[in-house]
Amino acid sequence: MAGKKEAKKVAGIAAYYKVDGSKVTRLHKVCSRCGKGVFMSEHKNRRTCGKCGLTEFNQ
């Protein structure tokens, strides 16, 4: 259809970071048990680590 824009998907690990010029920020929280490089998945009411199983519930 003409005039309809599609959202650009970002695949892989690049989906966990946002780049603004020369500044890079993390979009997901890093697991406090596993450390750097292990991100927690975002759910509706909680965050979970796929590596160690740590779960944090949102208030």
C-alpha atoms as a PDB file:
ATOM      1  CA  MET A   1       0.000   0.000   0.000  1.00  0.00           C
ATOM      2  CA  ALA A   2       1.252   3.415  -0.857  1.00  0.00           C
ATOM      3  CA  GLY A   3       2.052   5.842   1.942  1.00  0.00           C
ATOM      4  CA  LYS A   4       2.268   3.227   4.687  1.00  0.00           C
ATOM      5  CA  LYS A   5       5.600   2.979   6.535  1.00  0.00           C
ATOM      6  CA  GLU A   6       6.741  -0.259   8.118  1.00  0.00           C
ATOM      7  CA  ALA A   7       8.654  -0.401  11.390  1.00  0.00           C
ATOM      8  CA  LYS A   8      12.291  -1.339  11.071  1.00  0.00           C
ATOM      9  CA  LYS A   9      13.152  -4.449  13.097  1.00  0.00           C
ATOM     10  CA  VAL A  10      16.469  -4.724  14.903  1.00  0.00           C
ATOM     11  CA  ALA A  11      17.691  -8.280  15.285  1.00  0.00           C
ATOM     12  CA  GLY A  12      20.036  -9.921  17.745  1.00  0.00           C
ATOM     13  CA  ILE A  13      21.955  -8.225  20.499  1.00  0.00           C
ATOM     14  CA  ALA A  14      21.593  -4.820  18.811  1.00  0.00           C
ATOM     15  CA  ALA A  15      18.001  -4.728  20.129  1.00  0.00           C
ATOM     16  CA  TYR A  16      19.358  -4.296  23.691  1.00  0.00           C
ATOM     17  CA  TYR A  17      21.195  -1.017  22.981  1.00  0.00           C
ATOM     18  CA  LYS A  18      20.228   2.482  21.827  1.00  0.00           C
ATOM     19  CA  VAL A  19      22.728   4.709  20.010  1.00  0.00           C
ATOM     20  CA  ASP A  20      22.446   8.513  20.042  1.00  0.00           C
ATOM     21  CA  GLY A  21      25.375   9.998  18.167  1.00  0.00           C
ATOM     22  CA  SER A  22      28.382   8.873  20.183  1.00  0.00           C
ATOM     23  CA  LYS A  23      26.397   7.851  23.288  1.00  0.00           C
ATOM     24  CA  VAL A  24      25.312   4.216  23.815  1.00  0.00           C
ATOM     25  CA  THR A  25      22.722   3.235  26.451  1.00  0.00           C
ATOM     26  CA  ARG A  26      21.400  -0.157  27.550  1.00  0.00           C
ATOM     27  CA  LEU A  27      17.654  -0.710  27.146  1.00  0.00           C
ATOM     28  CA  HIS A  28      17.376  -3.805  29.366  1.00  0.00           C
ATOM     29  CA  LYS A  29      18.570  -4.284  32.931  1.00  0.00           C
ATOM     30  CA  VAL A  30      21.730  -6.334  33.536  1.00  0.00           C
ATOM     31  CA  CYS A  31      21.360  -9.345  35.867  1.00  0.00           C
ATOM     32  CA  SER A  32      22.736  -8.555  39.321  1.00  0.00           C
ATOM     33  CA  ARG A  33      23.762 -12.176  39.905  1.00  0.00           C
ATOM     34  CA  CYS A  34      25.407 -12.972  36.552  1.00  0.00           C
ATOM     35  CA  GLY A  35      26.995  -9.568  35.917  1.00  0.00           C
ATOM     36  CA  LYS A  36      27.927  -7.720  32.751  1.00  0.00           C
ATOM     37  CA  GLY A  37      26.773  -9.119  29.429  1.00  0.00           C
ATOM     38  CA  VAL A  38      23.701 -10.972  30.741  1.00  0.00           C
ATOM     39  CA  PHE A  39      20.469  -9.042  30.217  1.00  0.00           C
ATOM     40  CA  MET A  40      17.156  -9.703  31.937  1.00  0.00           C
ATOM     41  CA  SER A  41      14.030 -10.255  29.858  1.00  0.00           C
ATOM     42  CA  GLU A  42      11.170  -7.780  30.243  1.00  0.00           C
ATOM     43  CA  HIS A  43       7.689  -9.145  30.982  1.00  0.00           C
ATOM     44  CA  LYS A  44       4.444  -7.432  31.951  1.00  0.00           C
ATOM     45  CA  ASN A  45       4.931  -7.705  35.712  1.00  0.00           C
ATOM     46  CA  ARG A  46       8.505  -8.997  36.160  1.00  0.00           C
ATOM     47  CA  ARG A  47      12.074  -9.233  34.881  1.00  0.00           C
ATOM     48  CA  THR A  48      13.786 -12.625  34.613  1.00  0.00           C
ATOM     49  CA  CYS A  49      17.296 -13.845  33.863  1.00  0.00           C
ATOM     50  CA  GLY A  50      17.430 -16.715  31.384  1.00  0.00           C
ATOM     51  CA  LYS A  51      20.814 -17.858  32.631  1.00  0.00           C
ATOM     52  CA  CYS A  52      20.413 -18.120  36.429  1.00  0.00           C
ATOM     53  CA  GLY A  53      16.615 -17.800  36.813  1.00  0.00           C
ATOM     54  CA  LEU A  54      16.636 -14.668  39.000  1.00  0.00           C
ATOM     55  CA  THR A  55      13.185 -13.018  38.994  1.00  0.00           C
ATOM     56  CA  GLU A  56      12.381  -9.444  40.033  1.00  0.00           C
ATOM     57  CA  PHE A  57       8.731  -8.450  40.318  1.00  0.00           C
ATOM     58  CA  ASN A  58       7.525  -4.923  39.456  1.00  0.00           C
ATOM     59  CA  GLN A  59       5.543  -3.035  42.051  1.00  0.00           C
END
